[in-house]
C-alpha atoms as a PDB file:
ATOM      1  CA  UNK A   1     -44.839  32.445   5.646  1.00  0.00           C
ATOM      2  CA  UNK A   2     -41.666  33.955   7.000  1.00  0.00           C
ATOM      3  CA  UNK A   3     -38.242  32.596   6.133  1.00  0.00           C
ATOM      4  CA  UNK A   4     -37.480  31.923   9.808  1.00  0.00           C
ATOM      5  CA  UNK A   5     -39.951  29.038  10.095  1.00  0.00           C
ATOM      6  CA  UNK A   6     -38.688  25.719  11.461  1.00  0.00           C
ATOM      7  CA  UNK A   7     -39.933  22.565   9.754  1.00  0.00           C
ATOM      8  CA  UNK A   8     -40.709  19.504  11.871  1.00  0.00           C
ATOM      9  CA  UNK A   9     -41.700  15.992  10.787  1.00  0.00           C
ATOM     10  CA  UNK A  10     -44.665  14.709  12.803  1.00  0.00           C
ATOM     11  CA  UNK A  11     -44.172  11.595  14.901  1.00  0.00           C
ATOM     12  CA  UNK A  12     -47.570  11.730  16.612  1.00  0.00           C
ATOM     13  CA  UNK A  13     -50.544  14.088  16.781  1.00  0.00           C
ATOM     14  CA  UNK A  14     -53.741  14.207  18.840  1.00  0.00           C
ATOM     15  CA  UNK A  15     -56.667  16.619  18.832  1.00  0.00           C
ATOM     16  CA  UNK A  16     -59.240  17.538  21.479  1.00  0.00           C
ATOM     17  CA  UNK A  17     -61.985  20.106  21.940  1.00  0.00           C
ATOM     18  CA  UNK A  18     -61.252  22.283  24.987  1.00  0.00           C
ATOM     19  CA  UNK A  19     -64.101  24.665  25.830  1.00  0.00           C
ATOM     20  CA  UNK A  20     -64.391  27.099  22.900  1.00  0.00           C
ATOM     21  CA  UNK A  21     -61.371  25.953  20.871  1.00  0.00           C
ATOM     22  CA  UNK A  22     -59.604  22.880  19.578  1.00  0.00           C
ATOM     23  CA  UNK A  23     -56.111  21.884  20.679  1.00  0.00           C
ATOM     24  CA  UNK A  24     -53.754  19.815  18.587  1.00  0.00           C
ATOM     25  CA  UNK A  25     -50.827  18.263  20.442  1.00  0.00           C
ATOM     26  CA  UNK A  26     -47.928  17.344  18.183  1.00  0.00           C
ATOM     27  CA  UNK A  27     -44.707  15.489  18.876  1.00  0.00           C
ATOM     28  CA  UNK A  28     -42.032  15.827  16.225  1.00  0.00           C
ATOM     29  CA  UNK A  29     -39.575  13.073  15.362  1.00  0.00           C
ATOM     30  CA  UNK A  30     -36.803  15.014  17.135  1.00  0.00           C
ATOM     31  CA  UNK A  31     -38.834  15.025  20.379  1.00  0.00           C
ATOM     32  CA  UNK A  32     -40.051  18.630  20.105  1.00  0.00           C
ATOM     33  CA  UNK A  33     -43.570  18.965  21.500  1.00  0.00           C
ATOM     34  CA  UNK A  34     -46.033  21.615  20.337  1.00  0.00           C
ATOM     35  CA  UNK A  35     -49.588  22.473  21.278  1.00  0.00           C
ATOM     36  CA  UNK A  36     -51.655  24.429  18.771  1.00  0.00           C
ATOM     37  CA  UNK A  37     -54.901  26.189  19.669  1.00  0.00           C
ATOM     38  CA  UNK A  38     -57.360  26.965  16.889  1.00  0.00           C
ATOM     39  CA  UNK A  39     -60.973  27.891  16.341  1.00  0.00           C
ATOM     40  CA  UNK A  40     -63.292  25.574  14.462  1.00  0.00           C
ATOM     41  CA  UNK A  41     -63.315  28.063  11.562  1.00  0.00           C
ATOM     42  CA  UNK A  42     -59.514  28.029  11.336  1.00  0.00           C
ATOM     43  CA  UNK A  43     -59.455  24.243  11.265  1.00  0.00           C
ATOM     44  CA  UNK A  44     -62.230  24.066   8.674  1.00  0.00           C
ATOM     45  CA  UNK A  45     -60.141  26.314   6.419  1.00  0.00           C
ATOM     46  CA  UNK A  46     -57.084  24.112   7.009  1.00  0.00           C
ATOM     47  CA  UNK A  47     -59.057  20.952   6.253  1.00  0.00           C
ATOM     48  CA  UNK A  48     -60.277  22.553   3.019  1.00  0.00           C
ATOM     49  CA  UNK A  49     -56.674  23.297   2.012  1.00  0.00           C
ATOM     50  CA  UNK A  50     -55.603  19.738   2.834  1.00  0.00           C
ATOM     51  CA  UNK A  51     -58.500  18.234   0.859  1.00  0.00           C
ATOM     52  CA  UNK A  52     -57.534  20.361  -2.165  1.00  0.00           C
ATOM     53  CA  UNK A  53     -53.930  19.151  -1.926  1.00  0.00           C
ATOM     54  CA  UNK A  54     -54.947  15.501  -1.541  1.00  0.00           C
ATOM     55  CA  UNK A  55     -57.484  15.711  -4.381  1.00  0.00           C
ATOM     56  CA  UNK A  56     -54.782  17.158  -6.655  1.00  0.00           C
ATOM     57  CA  UNK A  57     -52.506  14.232  -5.752  1.00  0.00           C
ATOM     58  CA  UNK A  58     -55.243  11.802  -6.860  1.00  0.00           C
ATOM     59  CA  UNK A  59     -55.585  13.468 -10.277  1.00  0.00           C
END
């Protein structure tokens, strides 16, 4: 990732399937609102990464 990335702490997040993609609406603790659009394949890859991280935490 680039050095110019802003980090936000999630306050709330929702997901919905919209036609051929999935949208994730996020509200950060500072009130910033984001909407992410992703394909199912992109989210499956992300879920795989998250599962690996969480499994490592359990070990």
